[in-house]
């Protein structure tokens, strides 16, 4: 079991909260949020195999 973190680029709109989720191989969760109007995108997924 491994936990992987990947930082990718995206943008925020007017510094508001953005949340999107995709399913890649059934085990990928993507959380998007902005801090002080800046963008931050963190991908977190757990491999159970």
C-alpha atoms as a PDB file:
ATOM      1  CA  UNK A   1       0.000   0.000   0.000  1.00  0.00           C
ATOM      2  CA  UNK A   2       1.451   3.306  -1.069  1.00  0.00           C
ATOM      3  CA  UNK A   3       0.286   6.895  -0.905  1.00  0.00           C
ATOM      4  CA  UNK A   4       1.406   9.235  -3.653  1.00  0.00           C
ATOM      5  CA  UNK A   5       1.286  13.026  -3.760  1.00  0.00           C
ATOM      6  CA  UNK A   6       1.617  14.950  -7.006  1.00  0.00           C
ATOM      7  CA  UNK A   7       1.564  18.742  -7.328  1.00  0.00           C
ATOM      8  CA  UNK A   8       0.137  19.976 -10.618  1.00  0.00           C
ATOM      9  CA  UNK A   9      -0.764  23.416 -11.940  1.00  0.00           C
ATOM     10  CA  UNK A  10      -4.229  24.864 -12.304  1.00  0.00           C
ATOM     11  CA  UNK A  11      -5.920  28.183 -11.708  1.00  0.00           C
ATOM     12  CA  UNK A  12      -8.503  29.565  -9.319  1.00  0.00           C
ATOM     13  CA  UNK A  13     -11.355  31.894 -10.276  1.00  0.00           C
ATOM     14  CA  UNK A  14     -11.553  35.007  -8.121  1.00  0.00           C
ATOM     15  CA  UNK A  15      -9.826  33.065  -5.355  1.00  0.00           C
ATOM     16  CA  UNK A  16     -12.889  30.898  -4.843  1.00  0.00           C
ATOM     17  CA  UNK A  17     -12.919  27.230  -3.932  1.00  0.00           C
ATOM     18  CA  UNK A  18     -12.742  24.754  -6.773  1.00  0.00           C
ATOM     19  CA  UNK A  19     -13.175  21.010  -6.274  1.00  0.00           C
ATOM     20  CA  UNK A  20     -12.963  18.414  -8.997  1.00  0.00           C
ATOM     21  CA  UNK A  21     -12.617  14.665  -8.904  1.00  0.00           C
ATOM     22  CA  UNK A  22     -11.530  12.232 -11.578  1.00  0.00           C
ATOM     23  CA  UNK A  23     -11.375   8.458 -11.563  1.00  0.00           C
ATOM     24  CA  UNK A  24      -8.192   6.989 -12.990  1.00  0.00           C
ATOM     25  CA  UNK A  25      -7.920   3.221 -12.578  1.00  0.00           C
ATOM     26  CA  UNK A  26     -10.681   3.721 -10.004  1.00  0.00           C
ATOM     27  CA  UNK A  27      -8.326   5.088  -7.372  1.00  0.00           C
ATOM     28  CA  UNK A  28      -7.576   8.739  -8.086  1.00  0.00           C
ATOM     29  CA  UNK A  29      -8.960  11.672  -6.131  1.00  0.00           C
ATOM     30  CA  UNK A  30      -8.131  15.253  -7.031  1.00  0.00           C
ATOM     31  CA  UNK A  31      -8.745  18.152  -4.687  1.00  0.00           C
ATOM     32  CA  UNK A  32      -8.443  21.747  -5.878  1.00  0.00           C
ATOM     33  CA  UNK A  33      -8.459  24.718  -3.583  1.00  0.00           C
ATOM     34  CA  UNK A  34      -7.010  28.215  -3.516  1.00  0.00           C
ATOM     35  CA  UNK A  35      -5.172  29.965  -0.720  1.00  0.00           C
ATOM     36  CA  UNK A  36      -5.263  33.774  -0.657  1.00  0.00           C
ATOM     37  CA  UNK A  37      -6.304  33.768  -4.301  1.00  0.00           C
ATOM     38  CA  UNK A  38      -3.397  31.594  -5.368  1.00  0.00           C
ATOM     39  CA  UNK A  39      -3.854  28.221  -6.988  1.00  0.00           C
ATOM     40  CA  UNK A  40      -2.987  24.923  -5.389  1.00  0.00           C
ATOM     41  CA  UNK A  41      -3.797  21.520  -6.803  1.00  0.00           C
ATOM     42  CA  UNK A  42      -3.011  18.340  -4.937  1.00  0.00           C
ATOM     43  CA  UNK A  43      -3.538  14.878  -6.292  1.00  0.00           C
ATOM     44  CA  UNK A  44      -3.889  12.178  -3.680  1.00  0.00           C
ATOM     45  CA  UNK A  45      -4.484   8.550  -4.403  1.00  0.00           C
ATOM     46  CA  UNK A  46      -3.919   5.361  -2.503  1.00  0.00           C
ATOM     47  CA  UNK A  47      -2.818   2.197  -4.228  1.00  0.00           C
ATOM     48  CA  UNK A  48      -4.355  -0.777  -2.490  1.00  0.00           C
ATOM     49  CA  UNK A  49      -2.539  -3.273  -4.665  1.00  0.00           C
END
